[in-house]
Protein backbone atom coordinates (compact mmCIF):
# COMPACT_ATOMS: atom_id res chain seq x y z
CA MET A 1 -53.93 -52.62 -79.82
CA PRO A 2 -55.34 -49.34 -78.48
CA GLY A 3 -52.99 -46.39 -78.69
CA MET A 4 -50.66 -48.20 -81.08
CA ALA A 5 -49.43 -46.06 -83.98
CA PRO A 6 -50.30 -47.28 -87.46
CA PRO A 7 -47.51 -49.20 -89.21
CA PRO A 8 -45.24 -47.21 -91.53
CA PRO A 9 -46.38 -47.07 -95.18
CA THR A 10 -43.44 -49.21 -96.30
CA GLY A 11 -43.94 -51.75 -93.50
CA TYR A 12 -41.64 -53.05 -90.79
CA ALA A 13 -38.41 -54.74 -91.87
CA GLU A 14 -38.43 -58.52 -91.66
CA TRP A 15 -35.88 -60.40 -89.56
CA GLY A 16 -34.17 -61.82 -92.67
CA SER A 17 -33.51 -58.34 -94.08
CA ARG A 18 -32.09 -57.22 -90.75
CA PHE A 19 -29.85 -60.29 -90.66
CA VAL A 20 -28.52 -59.56 -94.16
CA GLY A 21 -27.73 -56.00 -93.04
CA TYR A 22 -25.88 -57.37 -89.99
CA LEU A 23 -23.83 -59.77 -92.11
CA ILE A 24 -22.71 -56.93 -94.37
CA ASP A 25 -22.10 -54.42 -91.55
CA ILE A 26 -20.38 -56.55 -88.92
CA ALA A 27 -19.67 -60.12 -89.99
CA ALA A 28 -18.10 -59.43 -93.40
CA PRO A 29 -15.64 -56.72 -92.22
CA THR A 30 -14.71 -58.84 -89.19
CA VAL A 31 -13.99 -61.93 -91.32
CA VAL A 32 -11.84 -59.81 -93.68
CA THR A 33 -10.01 -58.37 -90.66
CA ILE A 34 -9.31 -61.82 -89.21
CA ILE A 35 -8.00 -63.08 -92.56
CA LEU A 36 -5.77 -60.02 -92.97
CA TYR A 37 -4.52 -60.39 -89.39
CA TYR A 38 -3.50 -64.02 -89.92
CA ILE A 39 -1.83 -63.18 -93.24
CA ILE A 40 0.17 -60.49 -91.43
CA VAL A 41 1.02 -62.86 -88.57
CA GLY A 42 2.10 -65.49 -91.12
CA ILE A 43 4.44 -62.96 -92.71
CA ALA A 44 5.77 -62.07 -89.25
CA VAL A 45 7.30 -65.51 -88.74
CA GLY A 46 11.03 -64.99 -89.21
CA ALA A 47 10.60 -61.27 -89.99
CA ASP A 48 10.57 -58.11 -87.91
CA ALA A 49 7.89 -59.49 -85.56
CA PRO A 50 7.19 -56.32 -83.50
CA GLY A 51 6.69 -54.18 -86.63
CA ILE A 52 4.47 -56.77 -88.30
CA MET A 53 2.44 -57.30 -85.11
CA PHE A 54 1.90 -53.54 -84.96
CA LEU A 55 0.39 -53.77 -88.47
CA GLY A 56 -1.91 -56.53 -87.23
CA ILE A 57 -3.12 -54.28 -84.42
CA LEU A 58 -3.69 -51.47 -86.94
CA VAL A 59 -5.87 -53.81 -89.01
CA TYR A 60 -8.08 -54.48 -85.97
CA LEU A 61 -8.25 -50.77 -85.12
CA ALA A 62 -9.21 -49.97 -88.72
CA ASN A 63 -12.03 -52.56 -88.52
CA PHE A 64 -13.25 -51.07 -85.24
CA GLY A 65 -13.16 -47.56 -86.72
CA PHE A 66 -15.07 -48.69 -89.81
CA ILE A 67 -17.76 -50.38 -87.72
CA ILE A 68 -18.19 -47.26 -85.54
CA TRP A 69 -18.39 -45.00 -88.61
CA ASN A 70 -20.82 -47.31 -90.43
CA THR A 71 -23.15 -48.38 -87.62
CA VAL A 72 -23.12 -45.24 -85.46
CA ILE A 73 -22.21 -42.16 -87.51
CA LYS A 74 -23.54 -43.05 -90.97
CA GLN A 75 -26.56 -44.94 -89.68
CA GLY A 76 -27.28 -42.21 -87.12
CA GLN A 77 -27.31 -39.49 -89.79
CA THR A 78 -29.12 -41.32 -92.60
CA GLY A 79 -30.89 -44.22 -90.89
CA GLN A 80 -28.93 -46.63 -93.08
CA SER A 81 -25.61 -48.32 -92.62
CA ILE A 82 -24.05 -49.89 -95.71
CA GLY A 83 -25.70 -53.21 -94.86
CA LYS A 84 -29.11 -51.66 -94.25
CA LYS A 85 -28.88 -49.77 -97.55
CA VAL A 86 -28.12 -53.01 -99.42
CA ALA A 87 -30.94 -54.79 -97.54
CA LYS A 88 -33.26 -51.82 -98.34
CA ILE A 89 -34.17 -51.15 -94.71
CA LYS A 90 -33.82 -48.10 -92.47
CA LEU A 91 -33.50 -47.40 -88.73
CA VAL A 92 -35.79 -44.58 -87.59
CA SER A 93 -37.38 -43.18 -84.44
CA GLU A 94 -40.77 -44.73 -83.79
CA GLU A 95 -42.21 -41.32 -82.92
CA THR A 96 -40.72 -39.05 -85.62
CA MET A 97 -39.90 -41.56 -88.41
CA GLN A 98 -36.54 -39.73 -88.75
CA PRO A 99 -32.99 -41.10 -88.30
CA LEU A 100 -31.96 -41.33 -84.65
CA GLY A 101 -28.77 -39.28 -84.76
CA GLY A 102 -25.30 -40.45 -83.78
CA GLY A 103 -25.65 -40.26 -80.00
CA THR A 104 -28.94 -42.15 -79.80
CA THR A 105 -27.70 -44.71 -82.32
CA PHE A 106 -24.58 -45.26 -80.18
CA VAL A 107 -26.70 -45.85 -77.06
CA ARG A 108 -28.91 -48.23 -79.09
CA GLN A 109 -25.80 -50.19 -80.09
CA LEU A 110 -24.85 -50.43 -76.39
CA CYS A 111 -28.38 -51.64 -75.58
CA HIS A 112 -27.79 -54.66 -77.81
CA VAL A 113 -26.09 -56.11 -74.71
CA VAL A 114 -29.64 -56.63 -73.40
CA ASP A 115 -30.47 -58.53 -76.62
CA ALA A 116 -27.45 -60.80 -76.09
CA LEU A 117 -27.86 -61.61 -72.39
CA PRO A 118 -30.53 -64.33 -72.44
CA CYS A 119 -28.95 -66.56 -75.11
CA TYR A 120 -29.24 -63.83 -77.79
CA ALA A 121 -33.04 -64.05 -77.62
CA GLY A 122 -33.46 -60.29 -78.05
CA PHE A 123 -31.94 -60.45 -81.52
CA PHE A 124 -34.65 -62.95 -82.51
CA ALA A 125 -37.49 -60.84 -81.02
CA PRO A 126 -38.38 -59.33 -84.45
CA LEU A 127 -39.67 -62.81 -85.36
CA TRP A 128 -42.59 -62.50 -82.92
CA GLU A 129 -42.89 -58.82 -81.96
CA PRO A 130 -45.70 -56.90 -83.74
CA LYS A 131 -43.37 -54.00 -84.67
CA LYS A 132 -40.50 -56.42 -85.40
CA GLN A 133 -38.28 -54.73 -82.79
CA THR A 134 -35.29 -56.09 -80.92
CA TRP A 135 -35.26 -55.35 -77.19
CA ALA A 136 -32.72 -52.59 -77.86
CA ASP A 137 -35.24 -51.06 -80.30
CA LYS A 138 -37.96 -51.18 -77.63
CA ILE A 139 -35.66 -49.49 -75.09
CA MET A 140 -34.67 -46.74 -77.54
CA LYS A 141 -38.14 -46.43 -79.16
CA SER A 142 -36.74 -47.16 -82.60
CA ILE A 143 -38.03 -49.27 -85.46
CA VAL A 144 -36.50 -50.68 -88.62
CA ILE A 145 -38.65 -50.15 -91.69
CA ASN A 146 -38.49 -51.18 -95.32
CA ALA A 147 -36.84 -48.50 -97.45
CA PRO A 148 -37.11 -49.41 -101.11
CA GLU A 149 -34.70 -47.48 -103.34
CA THR A 150 -37.57 -46.24 -105.44
CA ALA A 151 -39.09 -44.44 -102.47
CA SER A 152 -39.33 -40.70 -102.96
CA PRO A 153 -40.66 -37.91 -100.79
CA TYR A 154 -43.17 -37.37 -103.60
CA GLY A 155 -44.16 -41.04 -103.93
CA GLY A 156 -44.07 -43.32 -106.93
CA GLY A 157 -41.16 -42.99 -109.27
CA THR A 158 -38.52 -45.42 -110.30
CA GLY A 159 -35.43 -43.34 -109.78
CA GLY A 160 -34.05 -40.39 -111.65
CA TYR A 161 -35.35 -36.87 -111.07
CA GLN A 162 -38.55 -36.81 -109.06
CA GLN A 163 -41.34 -34.32 -109.65
CA GLN A 164 -43.29 -32.47 -107.02
CA PRO A 165 -47.01 -33.22 -106.95
CA GLY A 166 -49.27 -30.99 -108.99
CA THR A 167 -46.57 -29.60 -111.26
CA GLY A 168 -47.52 -31.72 -114.25
CA GLY A 169 -43.94 -31.88 -115.46
CA TYR A 170 -41.50 -29.08 -114.99
CA PRO A 171 -41.73 -26.83 -111.92
CA GLN A 172 -43.58 -23.58 -112.50
CA GLN A 173 -41.38 -20.56 -113.21
CA GLN A 174 -42.02 -16.85 -113.02
CA PRO A 175 -43.67 -15.24 -116.09
CA GLY A 176 -41.22 -14.69 -118.92
CA GLY A 177 -39.09 -17.56 -117.69
CA TYR A 178 -38.30 -21.02 -118.83
CA GLY A 179 -41.45 -22.69 -117.47
CA GLN A 180 -44.04 -20.54 -119.30
CA PRO A 181 -46.82 -22.43 -121.00
CA PRO A 182 -46.37 -22.64 -124.79
CA GLN A 183 -48.23 -20.04 -126.81
CA GLN A 184 -50.41 -21.03 -129.66
CA GLY A 185 -49.80 -19.92 -133.23
CA TYR A 186 -51.69 -20.17 -136.57
CA GLY A 187 -55.19 -19.10 -135.69
CA GLY A 188 -54.89 -19.35 -131.94
CA GLN A 189 -53.62 -16.68 -129.61
CA GLN A 190 -51.12 -14.29 -131.06
CA GLN A 191 -47.53 -15.05 -130.19
CA GLY A 192 -45.73 -12.31 -128.41
CA TRP A 193 -43.25 -11.25 -131.13
């Protein structure tokens, strides 16, 4: 398509990866919350019902707080919620390839209402859209990309300490410092002692 930006180097995230991220971010905490709530309600039978019911409400509030922190604050700052990190995908701005920030991420979450309106079709849009975007992503100009753990700002690598390009090992230091090239002895250059 003319005027379309090239795809990100890591590629767009597939629908399956996005679904795994959703299950970890929303479905799993909600199921745990429901189970805890019914355990608390079961304990409430014949006990101090108002106090126990208050605990049940606190469990739901804790779940809501966790979801807001995970999907808005954490994801807004880093591009990855816990689920997206496990699924090795990242939410970024289509234009800057940087995380959206908390405010924009919050508005994107609200825009998921548009995805849900016509029988949840917008959530399935990544199956046929060229940039694998939901309708909320299109509205907010965001994309979800693959983010393998081995990715480094310097490329390559498999974890651990990454090297900057062109350093050939350790970063260069000032003369007389730690990173000086080794001096030759025995018939080569004279060592400086």
